[in-house]
Protein backbone atom coordinates (compact mmCIF):
# COMPACT_ATOMS: atom_id res chain seq x y z
CA MET A 1 13.45 4.23 48.51
CA ILE A 2 11.21 2.61 50.91
CA GLU A 3 12.92 2.25 54.36
CA GLN A 4 12.18 0.60 57.80
CA LYS A 5 10.51 3.65 59.00
CA HIS A 6 8.14 3.94 56.11
CA ILE A 7 7.31 0.11 56.40
CA GLU A 8 6.28 0.75 60.00
CA GLU A 9 4.18 3.70 58.93
CA PHE A 10 2.52 1.73 56.12
CA GLY A 11 1.80 -1.15 58.65
CA MET A 12 -0.60 1.11 60.45
CA LEU A 13 -2.67 1.98 57.37
CA LYS A 14 -5.47 0.39 55.41
CA THR A 15 -4.41 -1.37 52.41
CA PRO A 16 -4.36 -1.13 49.32
CA PHE A 17 -2.81 2.36 48.70
CA TYR A 18 -0.11 4.19 46.47
CA ALA A 19 2.97 5.33 48.21
CA TYR A 20 5.01 7.97 46.55
CA ASP A 21 8.77 8.85 47.18
CA LEU A 22 8.79 12.71 46.72
CA HIS A 23 12.62 12.90 47.34
CA LEU A 24 13.22 10.60 44.33
CA LEU A 25 10.60 12.42 42.25
CA GLU A 26 12.51 15.78 43.02
CA HIS A 27 15.81 14.10 42.29
CA THR A 28 14.47 12.80 39.00
CA ILE A 29 13.20 16.20 38.06
CA ASP A 30 16.59 17.64 38.81
CA GLU A 31 18.15 15.35 36.44
CA VAL A 32 15.64 16.03 33.55
CA VAL A 33 16.07 19.89 34.11
CA LYS A 34 19.80 19.57 34.11
CA HIS A 35 20.37 17.52 30.95
CA SER A 36 17.55 19.10 28.92
CA SER A 37 18.48 22.59 29.76
CA ALA A 38 22.15 21.88 28.72
CA PHE A 39 20.95 21.77 25.13
CA GLY A 40 18.10 24.52 25.42
CA PHE A 41 15.36 21.72 25.11
CA GLN A 42 11.78 22.20 26.26
CA VAL A 43 10.15 19.34 28.37
CA HIS A 44 6.59 18.89 28.51
CA TYR A 45 5.21 16.40 31.30
CA ALA A 46 2.56 13.91 30.16
CA LEU A 47 -0.21 14.07 32.76
CA LYS A 48 -1.74 10.96 31.46
CA ALA A 49 1.19 9.20 33.40
CA ASN A 50 0.19 10.53 36.93
CA SER A 51 -1.94 13.62 37.63
CA ASN A 52 -1.94 13.65 41.32
CA LEU A 53 -1.67 17.20 42.63
CA PRO A 54 1.53 16.73 44.73
CA VAL A 55 3.13 15.37 41.78
CA LEU A 56 2.02 18.01 39.44
CA ASP A 57 2.81 20.79 41.78
CA ARG A 58 6.54 19.73 42.10
CA ILE A 59 6.94 19.43 38.28
CA SER A 60 5.24 22.64 37.53
CA LYS A 61 7.55 24.66 39.66
CA ARG A 62 10.69 23.54 37.73
CA GLY A 63 9.51 25.36 34.49
CA ILE A 64 8.61 22.11 32.89
CA GLY A 65 5.59 22.32 30.50
CA ALA A 66 2.44 20.15 30.27
CA ASP A 67 1.49 17.49 27.70
CA CYS A 68 -2.25 16.94 27.78
CA VAL A 69 -4.56 14.44 26.05
CA SER A 70 -7.99 15.83 27.38
CA GLY A 71 -9.55 19.06 28.16
CA ASN A 72 -9.94 18.04 31.75
CA GLU A 73 -5.86 17.69 31.88
CA VAL A 74 -5.50 21.08 30.36
CA ILE A 75 -7.79 22.52 33.17
CA ARG A 76 -5.75 20.55 35.85
CA ALA A 77 -2.45 21.71 34.37
CA THR A 78 -3.37 25.40 34.47
CA LYS A 79 -4.74 25.05 38.12
CA THR A 80 -1.59 23.34 39.34
CA GLY A 81 0.83 26.07 38.03
CA PHE A 82 1.80 25.18 34.50
CA ASN A 83 1.96 28.04 32.12
CA PRO A 84 -0.64 27.94 29.37
CA HIS A 85 2.18 29.01 27.03
CA ASP A 86 4.00 25.73 27.73
CA ILE A 87 0.85 23.46 27.49
CA VAL A 88 0.16 21.25 24.58
CA LEU A 89 -2.80 19.28 23.62
CA ALA A 90 -2.55 16.04 21.74
CA GLY A 91 -4.95 13.12 21.18
CA VAL A 92 -6.46 11.36 18.17
CA GLY A 93 -9.90 12.27 19.11
CA LYS A 94 -10.21 15.72 20.50
CA THR A 95 -13.87 16.69 20.98
CA ASP A 96 -15.05 20.32 20.16
CA ASP A 97 -15.40 20.93 23.94
CA GLU A 98 -11.60 19.99 24.44
CA ILE A 99 -10.58 22.14 21.42
CA LEU A 100 -12.41 25.01 22.92
CA ILE A 101 -10.85 24.63 26.28
CA GLY A 102 -7.52 24.79 24.53
CA LEU A 103 -8.44 27.87 22.84
CA LYS A 104 -9.95 29.57 26.02
CA HIS A 105 -6.87 28.94 27.98
CA GLY A 106 -4.38 30.03 25.24
CA ILE A 107 -2.26 26.92 25.07
CA ALA A 108 0.85 26.80 23.18
CA CYS A 109 -0.14 24.14 20.56
CA PHE A 110 -2.49 21.49 19.34
CA ASN A 111 -0.82 18.37 18.17
CA VAL A 112 -3.08 17.57 15.14
CA GLU A 113 -3.59 13.96 14.12
CA SER A 114 -5.76 14.21 11.03
CA VAL A 115 -6.98 16.28 8.12
CA GLU A 116 -10.41 16.49 9.40
CA GLU A 117 -9.18 17.70 12.83
CA LEU A 118 -7.24 20.58 11.23
CA LYS A 119 -10.71 21.69 9.63
CA ILE A 120 -12.45 21.52 12.95
CA ILE A 121 -10.03 23.29 14.89
CA ASN A 122 -9.86 26.25 12.06
CA ALA A 123 -13.59 26.53 12.19
CA LEU A 124 -13.74 26.60 16.14
CA ALA A 125 -10.90 28.98 16.08
CA SER A 126 -12.71 31.40 13.67
CA GLN A 127 -15.91 31.39 15.76
CA GLN A 128 -13.69 32.51 18.68
CA ASN A 129 -11.96 34.98 16.71
CA LYS A 130 -8.53 33.27 17.55
CA VAL A 131 -5.69 31.72 15.65
CA ALA A 132 -4.85 28.32 16.89
CA THR A 133 -1.11 27.19 16.80
CA VAL A 134 -0.65 23.66 15.65
CA ALA A 135 2.02 21.02 15.07
CA LEU A 136 1.27 18.27 12.74
CA ARG A 137 1.78 14.62 14.44
CA LEU A 138 3.39 12.59 11.72
CA ASN A 139 3.78 8.86 11.72
CA PRO A 140 7.43 8.32 10.81
CA ASN A 141 7.08 4.51 10.65
CA VAL A 142 9.72 4.07 13.06
CA ASP A 143 9.55 0.82 15.08
CA ALA A 144 9.97 1.66 18.88
CA ASN A 145 10.78 -2.20 19.49
CA THR A 146 8.33 -2.13 22.41
CA HIS A 147 5.10 -3.83 23.35
CA LYS A 148 2.72 -3.83 20.47
CA TYR A 149 0.12 -2.16 22.38
CA ILE A 150 2.23 0.78 23.20
CA THR A 151 3.82 1.17 19.83
CA THR A 152 2.61 4.33 18.15
CA GLY A 153 4.74 5.50 15.33
CA LEU A 154 3.99 2.88 12.61
CA SER A 155 2.21 3.61 9.46
CA GLU A 156 -0.65 1.65 10.38
CA ASN A 157 -1.44 2.92 13.83
CA LYS A 158 -4.49 4.97 14.46
CA PHE A 159 -2.23 7.92 15.70
CA GLY A 160 -0.97 10.74 13.51
CA ILE A 161 -1.06 11.76 9.94
CA GLY A 162 0.25 9.55 7.32
CA LEU A 163 3.29 10.85 5.16
CA HIS A 164 1.24 10.48 1.90
CA GLU A 165 -1.06 13.08 3.31
CA LEU A 166 1.42 15.79 3.47
CA ASP A 167 0.98 17.45 0.12
CA GLU A 168 -2.84 17.55 0.83
CA ILE A 169 -2.30 19.11 4.13
CA ILE A 170 0.21 21.76 2.87
CA GLY A 171 -2.32 22.79 0.33
CA LEU A 172 -5.06 22.91 2.77
CA LEU A 173 -3.23 25.02 5.26
CA LYS A 174 -3.13 28.04 2.68
CA SER A 175 -6.98 28.20 3.17
CA LEU A 176 -7.23 27.89 6.97
CA LYS A 177 -6.88 31.45 8.12
CA ASN A 178 -7.40 30.56 11.75
CA ILE A 179 -4.37 27.96 11.79
CA SER A 180 -0.74 28.70 12.51
CA LEU A 181 1.62 25.90 11.64
CA SER A 182 4.44 25.98 14.20
CA GLY A 183 6.09 22.44 14.06
CA MET A 184 5.96 18.66 13.65
CA HIS A 185 5.22 16.31 16.35
CA PHE A 186 6.13 12.63 16.83
CA HIS A 187 5.74 9.94 19.21
CA ILE A 188 6.71 6.50 18.42
CA GLY A 189 5.79 4.55 21.51
CA SER A 190 6.43 3.96 25.28
CA GLN A 191 8.84 2.11 27.57
CA ILE A 192 11.68 2.32 24.86
CA THR A 193 14.92 1.07 26.18
CA ASP A 194 16.93 0.80 22.93
CA LEU A 195 17.95 4.38 22.23
CA ASN A 196 18.67 3.25 18.60
CA SER A 197 14.95 3.73 17.96
CA PHE A 198 15.26 7.41 18.93
CA ARG A 199 18.20 7.55 16.41
CA SER A 200 16.15 6.17 13.70
CA LEU A 201 13.41 8.91 14.68
CA CYS A 202 16.12 11.52 14.28
CA THR A 203 16.95 10.46 10.82
CA LYS A 204 13.32 10.53 9.84
CA ALA A 205 12.73 13.96 11.50
CA ASN A 206 15.71 15.23 9.57
CA GLU A 207 14.37 14.13 6.19
CA LEU A 208 11.04 15.77 7.00
CA ASN A 209 12.57 19.11 8.26
CA ARG A 210 14.33 19.23 4.77
CA TRP A 211 11.10 18.37 3.13
CA PHE A 212 9.46 21.40 4.78
CA LEU A 213 12.11 23.73 3.93
CA GLN A 214 11.89 22.71 0.19
CA LYS A 215 8.33 23.95 0.56
CA ASN A 216 9.50 27.18 1.87
CA ILE A 217 8.09 26.30 5.43
CA ALA A 218 10.51 26.90 8.35
CA LEU A 219 9.01 25.11 11.17
CA LYS A 220 9.69 26.57 14.62
CA HIS A 221 9.88 23.48 16.54
CA LEU A 222 10.19 19.71 16.46
CA ASN A 223 8.31 17.85 19.16
CA VAL A 224 9.83 14.40 19.32
CA GLY A 225 7.48 13.04 21.94
CA GLY A 226 8.54 10.79 24.76
CA GLY A 227 8.77 7.18 25.37
CA LEU A 228 12.16 6.65 27.36
CA GLY A 229 11.87 3.63 29.42
CA ILE A 230 12.86 2.73 32.94
CA ASP A 231 14.09 -0.33 34.68
CA TYR A 232 11.22 -2.07 35.94
CA MET A 233 13.46 -5.17 36.97
CA ALA A 234 15.78 -3.30 39.14
CA PRO A 235 14.06 -0.15 40.50
CA ASP A 236 16.44 0.37 43.39
CA GLU A 237 19.69 0.07 41.39
CA ASN A 238 18.42 2.28 38.72
CA PRO A 239 15.92 4.41 40.08
CA VAL A 240 16.52 7.36 37.47
CA ALA A 241 16.66 6.91 33.68
CA ASP A 242 19.66 7.69 31.78
CA PHE A 243 18.53 11.41 30.74
CA GLU A 244 22.25 12.36 29.79
CA SER A 245 22.43 9.73 27.02
CA TYR A 246 18.73 10.46 25.99
CA PHE A 247 18.90 14.28 25.52
CA GLY A 248 22.53 13.79 24.22
CA LEU A 249 21.45 11.54 21.45
CA PHE A 250 18.96 13.85 20.07
CA ASN A 251 21.49 17.06 20.36
CA LYS A 252 23.83 14.79 18.31
CA PHE A 253 21.67 13.51 15.57
CA LEU A 254 18.96 16.16 14.99
CA GLU A 255 19.70 18.52 12.21
CA LEU A 256 18.01 21.88 13.30
CA ASN A 257 17.33 24.85 11.50
CA PRO A 258 18.76 28.15 13.02
CA GLY A 259 16.34 29.14 15.94
CA GLN A 260 14.42 25.85 15.76
CA GLN A 261 13.41 24.53 19.28
CA VAL A 262 13.12 20.93 20.34
CA HIS A 263 10.46 19.71 22.55
CA PHE A 264 9.98 16.47 24.57
CA GLU A 265 6.88 14.79 26.25
CA LEU A 266 8.06 12.73 29.00
CA GLY A 267 5.83 10.88 31.42
CA ARG A 268 6.88 7.41 32.69
CA SER A 269 10.50 8.33 33.08
CA LEU A 270 9.77 11.28 35.39
CA VAL A 271 7.26 9.48 37.68
CA ALA A 272 7.32 5.81 37.50
CA GLN A 273 9.96 4.84 39.99
CA CYS A 274 8.68 7.15 42.76
CA GLY A 275 5.47 5.11 43.05
CA SER A 276 4.64 1.75 44.83
CA LEU A 277 1.39 0.10 45.20
CA ILE A 278 1.11 -1.31 48.83
CA SER A 279 -0.91 -4.22 49.65
CA ARG A 280 -1.42 -7.04 52.13
CA VAL A 281 -1.43 -10.55 51.96
CA ILE A 282 -4.87 -12.16 52.42
CA PHE A 283 -4.20 -15.61 52.06
CA ILE A 284 -1.55 -18.14 51.00
CA LYS A 285 -3.11 -20.67 49.05
CA LYS A 286 -1.14 -23.98 48.34
CA GLY A 287 -1.89 -25.94 45.09
CA LEU A 288 -0.28 -29.12 43.69
CA LYS A 289 2.21 -27.33 41.74
CA THR A 290 1.72 -23.53 42.41
CA ASN A 291 1.58 -21.43 45.43
CA PHE A 292 -0.84 -18.53 45.33
CA MET A 293 -0.28 -15.46 47.26
CA ILE A 294 -3.58 -13.45 47.25
CA ILE A 295 -3.27 -9.81 47.97
CA ASP A 296 -5.85 -7.07 48.61
CA ALA A 297 -4.85 -5.16 45.60
CA GLY A 298 -6.05 -6.16 42.15
CA MET A 299 -6.31 -5.37 38.78
CA THR A 300 -8.65 -2.53 39.76
CA GLU A 301 -5.74 -0.75 41.54
CA LEU A 302 -2.97 -1.72 38.96
CA LEU A 303 -4.26 -2.65 35.50
CA ARG A 304 -0.90 -2.75 33.49
CA PRO A 305 -0.16 -6.57 34.21
CA ALA A 306 -3.76 -7.56 33.12
CA LEU A 307 -3.76 -5.23 30.22
CA TYR A 308 -0.17 -5.56 28.83
CA GLY A 309 1.37 -8.38 30.77
CA ALA A 310 3.57 -5.77 32.17
CA TYR A 311 6.19 -6.77 34.71
CA HIS A 312 6.65 -5.06 38.20
CA LYS A 313 9.06 -6.08 40.73
CA ILE A 314 7.30 -7.34 43.92
CA GLN A 315 8.62 -7.36 47.45
CA ASN A 316 7.47 -8.60 50.82
CA LEU A 317 8.34 -5.43 52.93
CA THR A 318 7.38 -7.35 56.13
CA LYS A 319 9.97 -10.11 55.73
CA GLY A 320 12.65 -7.88 53.94
CA ASN A 321 15.25 -8.96 51.28
CA THR A 322 17.66 -10.89 53.48
CA ILE A 323 15.52 -13.84 54.22
CA LEU A 324 17.09 -16.99 52.80
CA ASN A 325 14.02 -19.11 53.31
CA LYS A 326 12.14 -18.40 50.01
CA ASP A 327 9.40 -19.97 47.97
CA PHE A 328 7.74 -19.32 44.57
CA TYR A 329 4.39 -17.67 44.23
CA ASP A 330 1.94 -16.60 41.70
CA VAL A 331 0.93 -13.04 43.10
CA VAL A 332 -2.75 -12.58 42.45
CA GLY A 333 -5.74 -10.17 43.38
CA PRO A 334 -9.04 -10.80 44.64
CA VAL A 335 -10.90 -9.84 41.50
CA CYS A 336 -12.72 -12.74 39.82
CA GLU A 337 -10.93 -12.51 36.60
CA SER A 338 -8.13 -14.77 35.59
CA THR A 339 -5.99 -11.91 34.36
CA ASP A 340 -6.06 -10.56 37.93
CA CYS A 341 -2.40 -11.49 38.30
CA PHE A 342 0.77 -9.46 39.07
CA GLY A 343 3.35 -12.15 38.57
CA LYS A 344 3.85 -15.75 38.16
CA ARG A 345 6.59 -17.66 39.91
CA MET A 346 7.84 -14.86 41.79
CA SER A 347 10.78 -15.83 44.14
CA LEU A 348 9.74 -14.16 47.67
CA PRO A 349 10.47 -14.86 51.19
CA VAL A 350 8.11 -17.45 52.70
CA SER A 351 5.04 -15.33 53.13
CA GLU A 352 2.04 -15.41 55.55
CA ARG A 353 -1.23 -13.65 55.97
CA GLY A 354 -0.87 -9.96 56.99
CA ASP A 355 2.71 -9.59 55.27
CA LEU A 356 2.84 -6.07 53.47
CA ILE A 357 3.71 -6.27 49.96
CA ALA A 358 4.99 -3.55 47.70
CA ILE A 359 4.49 -3.66 44.03
CA ARG A 360 7.26 -1.24 42.57
CA SER A 361 7.66 1.32 39.79
CA CYS A 362 4.08 2.18 39.73
CA GLY A 363 3.93 5.93 39.84
CA ALA A 364 3.34 5.98 35.98
CA TYR A 365 -0.08 4.54 34.54
CA GLY A 366 -1.01 2.99 37.92
CA GLU A 367 -3.19 5.04 39.99
CA VAL A 368 -4.50 6.97 37.02
CA MET A 369 -5.87 3.86 35.40
CA ALA A 370 -7.36 2.47 38.83
CA ASN A 371 -11.23 1.75 38.67
CA ASN A 372 -13.98 0.67 40.97
CA TYR A 373 -14.97 -2.55 39.20
CA ASN A 374 -16.72 -4.68 41.94
CA LEU A 375 -17.28 -1.48 43.70
CA ARG A 376 -13.89 -1.62 44.99
CA GLU A 377 -12.33 1.36 46.63
CA LEU A 378 -8.74 2.65 46.61
CA ASN A 379 -7.47 4.22 49.74
CA GLU A 380 -5.85 7.56 49.92
CA ALA A 381 -2.24 7.89 48.51
CA VAL A 382 0.61 8.34 50.89
CA TYR A 383 3.56 10.77 50.19
CA PHE A 384 6.88 10.37 51.88
CA ASN A 385 10.49 11.82 51.63
């Protein structure tokens, strides 16, 4: 939580910058470890959410694995203490170089998303005299009930292998001598707050698990992906996701074979609430019907609102939350794009030039997606306890 002492510190710094609450991060990790280990589940952290070194250092020290979607993420994971035997590499378009990086580091598993990818991994592994362990990313055609741009488990998504291809793949695997099939992988989407979506995933996973057994294939693990959502509306009231219910649901509804492991790939729910984007008011521009609060952070620093129409709670740190004199503002950035807007008709204390503004719940898919459009530069992140 951002306290007065932090606000005073932030006021002396050049904005915009990201600020990370390491105490909250560690508390969140504690909750993940506590509730996943109760059932013997293996969690992999999705580096795509936030790949900052202090964040990765704290996560890797707790025995959590890494979920990577690029060769460079694999390299960073190994350099920040993640055990290669707990690293998985996913992605619908892995390049040969990325596959070779995975093979070089001896990662636990490649999550394979197409028939052609299986053939390429086999060929590259053969050249290296290695056997690549793989899981088949399957499209279960389960609706995640989330934003259409972050739904990934429907039959017409670009991700994963269609169920109609399974017979072909089982036949193909018999000829791929440098491939070892270890499991199934799913990921139905992100920012899922309706746990019934995960229950539907369990039903589909159980059906497929039985299908493989009928083919005399006993899979060692089921990877059910991630996607657990957070409370963007009330980050202070609900700073930690409900991991107890989340893991408990899978424990209740998954039908596992003897010795079969369950893997998860969580990103947003571990790191989103610990990060805020700190900015300053440049101008207050009064229109006929709309007041514009123009801040020095833009879509270059936080892309999600422009990309998805994503909501983030916005606070005026200078004025605080107890001010009764409020107004409505469209909070916008300085970039010459109409989508450079963080929120419309946001109820905030009457604000003025120089006020510090916090855009909350930015620890996931915030800083990692920043860019230097207009040659803008993001200032160094701040970490606090």
